């Protein structure tokens, strides 16, 4: 090898070494990520393990979260009623819908109303949380959009492999005012795993006012509702549904059953109207926890949730 070739070879080695040196200082890997998946799904991952998944396929009747994974690694929610899966196929783990928008039923399947995904605005990853911001149209059977929705679904990692899931909903009337009929069904609901239910697994329901199980909490106002039970022999976990103080009907009336589901009812007491140009903003939280927490501990989690700032736009 002559001197010229030796010089070129040496230069190449220097460039390779410089590139390798640059790779020794990569950016920090986000601990919590919103990772896109096939078939219009986003997996929320903490330290590489999935803890929740957002489904938004355009053929669905509505977007939903499934599964929601507890600290032990077991799912705490399910799809459908354990004893009536056909007529309760709309029980989609964790979901947003309403029984009556201008007379259209968005709560049930195959009743005319569908919440149709339009686009993903943004995916965020971070050291402690990840989020997906999505847009949906609430469409009646004639194909007319009654509501436009912007939804932020954020997963926050907590100590002990617990989670705080926060869902922000902004609903805008499209074309005309939208009347939300008087009904206990809507906007935010959770179908618990079978073994957590009071009937099937001897689980426990409690609310912020001291009520216990369906008899003590059904159609009662509360700041939060906790549903806890067994997910394995000797393992108790649960989910607390948190109603944010900024919601117009706070404290919410809750529709809760011993058969394993709970929902925050926005119009159980009276109809409400979303006026053109005046969006309705709602915020709900889910504390995914281990054990059967003391009410004081749940209250502390609700207080922290009530002051949690909204997701800020990503700086690019």
Protein backbone atom coordinates (compact mmCIF):
# COMPACT_ATOMS: atom_id res chain seq x y z
CA UNK A 1 0.00 0.00 0.00
CA UNK A 2 1.51 3.33 -1.08
CA UNK A 3 1.60 6.48 1.07
CA UNK A 4 -1.51 8.01 -0.56
CA UNK A 5 -3.59 4.89 0.08
CA UNK A 6 -2.31 4.67 3.65
CA UNK A 7 -3.44 8.29 4.25
CA UNK A 8 -6.92 7.59 2.85
CA UNK A 9 -7.19 4.43 4.94
CA UNK A 10 -6.14 6.30 8.07
CA UNK A 11 -8.71 9.03 7.37
CA UNK A 12 -11.45 6.40 7.02
CA UNK A 13 -10.47 4.87 10.35
CA UNK A 14 -10.66 8.30 11.99
CA UNK A 15 -14.15 8.90 10.57
CA UNK A 16 -15.37 5.50 11.76
CA UNK A 17 -13.91 6.14 15.22
CA UNK A 18 -15.56 9.56 15.38
CA UNK A 19 -18.94 8.08 14.43
CA UNK A 20 -18.56 5.33 17.01
CA UNK A 21 -17.67 7.92 19.65
CA UNK A 22 -20.83 9.86 18.87
CA UNK A 23 -22.90 6.72 19.46
CA UNK A 24 -21.48 6.46 22.99
CA UNK A 25 -23.67 9.42 24.04
CA UNK A 26 -27.24 8.66 22.86
CA UNK A 27 -30.25 10.59 24.12
CA UNK A 28 -32.03 9.08 27.15
CA UNK A 29 -34.56 6.40 26.20
CA UNK A 30 -38.08 7.38 27.39
CA UNK A 31 -39.18 5.10 30.20
CA UNK A 32 -42.86 5.43 29.19
CA UNK A 33 -43.75 5.25 25.53
CA UNK A 34 -46.83 5.39 23.29
CA UNK A 35 -45.80 2.87 20.63
CA UNK A 36 -47.88 2.57 17.41
CA UNK A 37 -49.04 -0.97 16.61
CA UNK A 38 -50.71 -2.61 13.59
CA UNK A 39 -54.46 -2.34 13.04
CA UNK A 40 -54.78 1.21 14.42
CA UNK A 41 -53.65 0.61 17.97
CA UNK A 42 -51.21 2.31 20.33
CA UNK A 43 -49.49 0.34 23.09
CA UNK A 44 -48.52 2.22 26.25
CA UNK A 45 -45.28 0.70 27.50
CA UNK A 46 -43.44 1.20 30.77
CA UNK A 47 -39.84 -0.05 30.77
CA UNK A 48 -40.65 -2.05 27.64
CA UNK A 49 -43.72 -3.80 29.10
CA UNK A 50 -47.22 -3.03 27.90
CA UNK A 51 -49.54 -1.58 30.55
CA UNK A 52 -52.46 -0.40 28.38
CA UNK A 53 -53.51 -0.28 24.72
CA UNK A 54 -55.63 2.28 22.85
CA UNK A 55 -57.79 0.85 20.02
CA UNK A 56 -59.16 3.25 17.40
CA UNK A 57 -59.91 1.29 14.22
CA UNK A 58 -62.45 3.01 11.97
CA UNK A 59 -64.62 -0.13 11.87
CA UNK A 60 -65.15 -0.02 15.65
CA UNK A 61 -68.27 1.47 17.21
CA UNK A 62 -66.01 3.56 19.45
CA UNK A 63 -62.35 3.82 20.52
CA UNK A 64 -61.42 2.17 23.82
CA UNK A 65 -58.59 1.09 26.13
CA UNK A 66 -57.89 -2.63 26.54
CA UNK A 67 -56.22 -4.09 28.45
CA UNK A 68 -55.38 -2.06 31.55
CA UNK A 69 -52.66 -3.99 33.37
CA UNK A 70 -52.26 -3.93 37.15
CA UNK A 71 -49.02 -3.94 39.18
CA UNK A 72 -48.92 -7.77 39.22
CA UNK A 73 -48.94 -7.87 35.41
CA UNK A 74 -52.54 -9.09 35.18
CA UNK A 75 -55.38 -7.30 33.32
CA UNK A 76 -57.84 -5.47 35.55
CA UNK A 77 -60.46 -4.87 32.84
CA UNK A 78 -62.32 -7.06 30.34
CA UNK A 79 -64.35 -6.83 27.15
CA UNK A 80 -68.08 -7.45 27.64
CA UNK A 81 -70.29 -8.69 30.46
CA UNK A 82 -69.13 -12.04 31.91
CA UNK A 83 -72.66 -13.50 31.77
CA UNK A 84 -74.23 -11.56 28.90
CA UNK A 85 -71.54 -10.95 26.27
CA UNK A 86 -73.87 -10.38 23.29
CA UNK A 87 -76.15 -7.63 24.58
CA UNK A 88 -73.27 -6.03 26.50
CA UNK A 89 -70.73 -6.10 23.70
CA UNK A 90 -70.49 -2.33 24.07
CA UNK A 91 -68.72 -2.75 27.42
CA UNK A 92 -65.28 -2.09 25.95
CA UNK A 93 -62.98 -2.25 28.99
CA UNK A 94 -62.50 1.54 29.37
CA UNK A 95 -64.60 3.62 27.00
CA UNK A 96 -66.22 6.98 26.26
CA UNK A 97 -69.76 7.21 24.86
CA UNK A 98 -73.28 8.50 25.56
CA UNK A 99 -76.74 6.97 25.25
CA UNK A 100 -78.50 10.02 23.80
CA UNK A 101 -77.02 12.78 21.63
CA UNK A 102 -79.85 14.55 19.78
CA UNK A 103 -81.78 11.28 20.07
CA UNK A 104 -78.98 9.08 18.69
CA UNK A 105 -77.69 6.17 20.81
CA UNK A 106 -73.87 6.11 20.87
CA UNK A 107 -73.78 3.82 23.91
CA UNK A 108 -75.03 0.55 22.41
CA UNK A 109 -73.62 -1.34 19.44
CA UNK A 110 -75.51 -1.32 16.13
CA UNK A 111 -77.99 1.36 17.21
CA UNK A 112 -77.00 3.97 14.66
CA UNK A 113 -74.44 6.11 16.47
CA UNK A 114 -70.70 5.53 16.04
CA UNK A 115 -67.65 7.40 17.34
CA UNK A 116 -65.35 7.28 14.32
CA UNK A 117 -61.61 7.93 14.54
CA UNK A 118 -60.32 10.67 12.23
CA UNK A 119 -56.63 11.14 12.99
CA UNK A 120 -53.86 10.95 15.56
CA UNK A 121 -52.65 14.45 16.27
CA UNK A 122 -49.64 13.51 18.36
CA UNK A 123 -47.84 10.76 20.27
CA UNK A 124 -45.74 11.72 23.29
CA UNK A 125 -43.11 9.68 25.18
CA UNK A 126 -41.32 10.66 28.36
CA UNK A 127 -39.52 9.66 31.55
CA UNK A 128 -42.75 9.44 33.58
CA UNK A 129 -45.66 9.55 31.13
CA UNK A 130 -46.81 8.99 27.56
CA UNK A 131 -49.87 10.20 25.68
CA UNK A 132 -51.87 9.91 22.48
CA UNK A 133 -53.97 12.84 21.25
CA UNK A 134 -56.67 11.76 18.81
CA UNK A 135 -59.67 13.21 16.99
CA UNK A 136 -63.07 11.51 16.57
CA UNK A 137 -66.41 12.31 14.92
CA UNK A 138 -69.69 11.31 16.59
CA UNK A 139 -71.72 10.24 13.54
CA UNK A 140 -75.43 9.29 13.41
CA UNK A 141 -76.95 6.61 11.16
CA UNK A 142 -77.51 9.16 8.38
CA UNK A 143 -73.79 9.88 8.34
CA UNK A 144 -74.14 13.30 9.92
CA UNK A 145 -71.52 14.42 12.43
CA UNK A 146 -73.18 15.65 15.62
CA UNK A 147 -70.05 16.14 17.71
CA UNK A 148 -66.35 16.57 17.06
CA UNK A 149 -64.07 15.23 19.75
CA UNK A 150 -60.45 15.86 20.69
CA UNK A 151 -59.26 13.27 23.21
CA UNK A 152 -56.00 13.06 25.15
CA UNK A 153 -55.21 9.71 26.76
CA UNK A 154 -52.19 9.90 29.04
CA UNK A 155 -50.54 7.16 31.11
CA UNK A 156 -48.44 8.23 34.10
CA UNK A 157 -46.06 5.77 35.78
CA UNK A 158 -46.33 5.68 39.58
CA UNK A 159 -44.17 3.95 42.20
CA UNK A 160 -44.78 0.25 42.79
CA UNK A 161 -45.77 -0.37 39.14
CA UNK A 162 -49.04 1.51 39.68
CA UNK A 163 -50.51 3.84 37.05
CA UNK A 164 -52.54 7.00 36.72
CA UNK A 165 -54.45 7.14 33.44
CA UNK A 166 -55.91 10.56 32.61
CA UNK A 167 -58.43 11.08 29.82
CA UNK A 168 -59.25 14.63 28.66
CA UNK A 169 -62.30 14.97 26.41
CA UNK A 170 -63.26 18.08 24.44
CA UNK A 171 -66.60 17.85 22.62
CA UNK A 172 -67.77 20.49 20.12
CA UNK A 173 -71.22 20.64 18.56
CA UNK A 174 -71.17 20.45 14.77
CA UNK A 175 -73.74 22.34 12.72
CA UNK A 176 -76.22 22.85 15.56
CA UNK A 177 -76.44 22.66 19.34
CA UNK A 178 -76.18 19.11 20.66
CA UNK A 179 -78.57 18.00 23.40
CA UNK A 180 -77.34 15.27 25.74
CA UNK A 181 -80.45 13.46 26.95
CA UNK A 182 -81.15 12.51 30.55
CA UNK A 183 -79.54 9.08 31.03
CA UNK A 184 -77.16 7.29 33.41
CA UNK A 185 -75.18 5.91 30.46
CA UNK A 186 -72.32 8.25 29.56
CA UNK A 187 -69.70 9.61 29.35
CA UNK A 188 -66.96 7.51 31.00
CA UNK A 189 -67.11 3.86 32.05
CA UNK A 190 -65.00 0.87 33.12
CA UNK A 191 -65.76 -2.85 32.88
CA UNK A 192 -63.71 -4.64 35.55
CA UNK A 193 -62.19 -8.11 35.24
CA UNK A 194 -64.63 -10.88 36.21
CA UNK A 195 -62.81 -11.87 39.39
CA UNK A 196 -62.91 -8.28 40.70
CA UNK A 197 -66.71 -8.05 40.51
CA UNK A 198 -68.72 -8.25 43.72
CA UNK A 199 -70.96 -11.05 42.35
CA UNK A 200 -68.30 -13.17 40.69
CA UNK A 201 -65.25 -12.55 42.85
CA UNK A 202 -66.46 -11.06 46.14
CA UNK A 203 -64.77 -7.77 45.24
CA UNK A 204 -65.51 -4.47 46.96
CA UNK A 205 -66.91 -1.14 45.76
CA UNK A 206 -66.35 2.05 47.79
CA UNK A 207 -66.89 5.74 47.14
CA UNK A 208 -65.61 9.01 48.57
CA UNK A 209 -68.76 9.42 50.70
CA UNK A 210 -68.34 6.14 52.56
CA UNK A 211 -70.76 4.06 50.47
CA UNK A 212 -70.02 0.37 50.00
CA UNK A 213 -71.06 -1.93 47.12
CA UNK A 214 -73.97 -1.29 44.76
CA UNK A 215 -76.54 -0.72 47.50
CA UNK A 216 -74.46 2.07 49.01
CA UNK A 217 -73.10 3.76 45.87
CA UNK A 218 -75.68 3.33 43.08
CA UNK A 219 -76.70 6.71 41.58
CA UNK A 220 -74.93 8.58 44.37
CA UNK A 221 -72.71 11.62 43.94
CA UNK A 222 -69.02 11.16 44.73
CA UNK A 223 -65.56 12.49 43.91
CA UNK A 224 -64.24 8.99 43.29
CA UNK A 225 -65.33 5.37 43.01
CA UNK A 226 -63.05 2.43 43.77
CA UNK A 227 -63.55 -1.15 42.55
CA UNK A 228 -61.07 -3.69 43.97
CA UNK A 229 -60.83 -7.46 44.12
CA UNK A 230 -58.75 -10.56 43.49
CA UNK A 231 -56.74 -10.98 40.30
CA UNK A 232 -54.95 -14.11 41.55
CA UNK A 233 -54.91 -16.16 44.74
CA UNK A 234 -53.75 -13.80 47.48
CA UNK A 235 -53.40 -10.83 45.07
CA UNK A 236 -55.80 -7.88 45.41
CA UNK A 237 -55.75 -5.00 42.92
CA UNK A 238 -58.20 -2.44 41.62
CA UNK A 239 -59.06 0.77 39.81
CA UNK A 240 -60.31 4.05 41.25
CA UNK A 241 -62.39 6.17 38.86
CA UNK A 242 -61.65 9.83 39.62
CA UNK A 243 -63.99 12.70 38.73
CA UNK A 244 -62.19 16.00 38.16
CA UNK A 245 -63.46 19.10 40.03
CA UNK A 246 -63.52 21.11 36.78
CA UNK A 247 -66.22 18.85 35.30
CA UNK A 248 -69.51 20.80 35.13
CA UNK A 249 -71.47 18.19 37.14
CA UNK A 250 -68.81 17.52 39.79
CA UNK A 251 -69.18 15.60 42.04
CA UNK A 252 -70.48 13.15 39.47
CA UNK A 253 -73.38 10.78 39.89
CA UNK A 254 -72.00 7.26 39.46
CA UNK A 255 -73.75 4.30 37.86
CA UNK A 256 -72.16 1.26 39.48
CA UNK A 257 -73.13 -2.41 39.62
CA UNK A 258 -72.06 -5.41 41.68
CA UNK A 259 -71.66 -7.28 38.36
CA UNK A 260 -68.37 -5.50 37.70
CA UNK A 261 -68.80 -2.14 36.01
CA UNK A 262 -68.77 1.51 36.99
CA UNK A 263 -69.45 4.71 35.12
CA UNK A 264 -69.38 8.45 35.75
CA UNK A 265 -72.80 9.71 34.60
CA UNK A 266 -72.85 13.23 33.16
CA UNK A 267 -76.61 13.52 32.56
CA UNK A 268 -78.22 11.11 35.03
CA UNK A 269 -79.96 14.01 36.78
CA UNK A 270 -80.90 16.19 33.81
CA UNK A 271 -80.22 16.80 30.08
CA UNK A 272 -77.47 19.21 29.10
CA UNK A 273 -76.75 21.14 25.92
CA UNK A 274 -73.43 21.62 24.13
CA UNK A 275 -73.87 24.92 22.35
CA UNK A 276 -72.20 25.80 19.06
CA UNK A 277 -68.86 27.44 19.71
CA UNK A 278 -68.86 26.41 23.40
CA UNK A 279 -67.01 23.09 23.71
CA UNK A 280 -67.65 20.80 26.66
CA UNK A 281 -64.43 19.83 28.46
CA UNK A 282 -64.29 16.81 30.76
CA UNK A 283 -61.45 15.11 32.62
CA UNK A 284 -61.48 11.66 34.23
CA UNK A 285 -58.74 9.63 35.86
CA UNK A 286 -58.06 5.99 36.68
CA UNK A 287 -55.75 5.09 39.54
CA UNK A 288 -54.57 1.53 38.79
CA UNK A 289 -53.38 0.25 42.16
CA UNK A 290 -52.26 -2.70 44.26
CA UNK A 291 -54.15 -3.92 47.31
CA UNK A 292 -57.25 -2.45 48.93
CA UNK A 293 -56.15 1.10 49.68
CA UNK A 294 -57.36 3.04 52.69
CA UNK A 295 -59.90 5.78 51.78
CA UNK A 296 -57.40 8.39 53.01
CA UNK A 297 -54.87 7.09 50.48
CA UNK A 298 -57.47 7.26 47.70
CA UNK A 299 -58.39 10.78 48.76
CA UNK A 300 -54.72 11.79 48.50
CA UNK A 301 -54.58 10.37 44.97
CA UNK A 302 -57.72 12.30 44.05
CA UNK A 303 -56.18 15.51 45.42
CA UNK A 304 -53.05 14.97 43.31
CA UNK A 305 -55.18 14.24 40.24
CA UNK A 306 -57.29 17.36 40.80
CA UNK A 307 -54.22 19.61 40.47
CA UNK A 308 -52.45 17.71 37.68
CA UNK A 309 -51.65 20.09 34.78
CA UNK A 310 -52.82 19.22 31.25
CA UNK A 311 -50.48 17.70 28.67
CA UNK A 312 -48.45 20.49 27.08
CA UNK A 313 -47.55 20.59 23.38
CA UNK A 314 -44.28 18.85 22.58
CA UNK A 315 -41.40 21.19 21.82
CA UNK A 316 -39.73 20.22 18.55
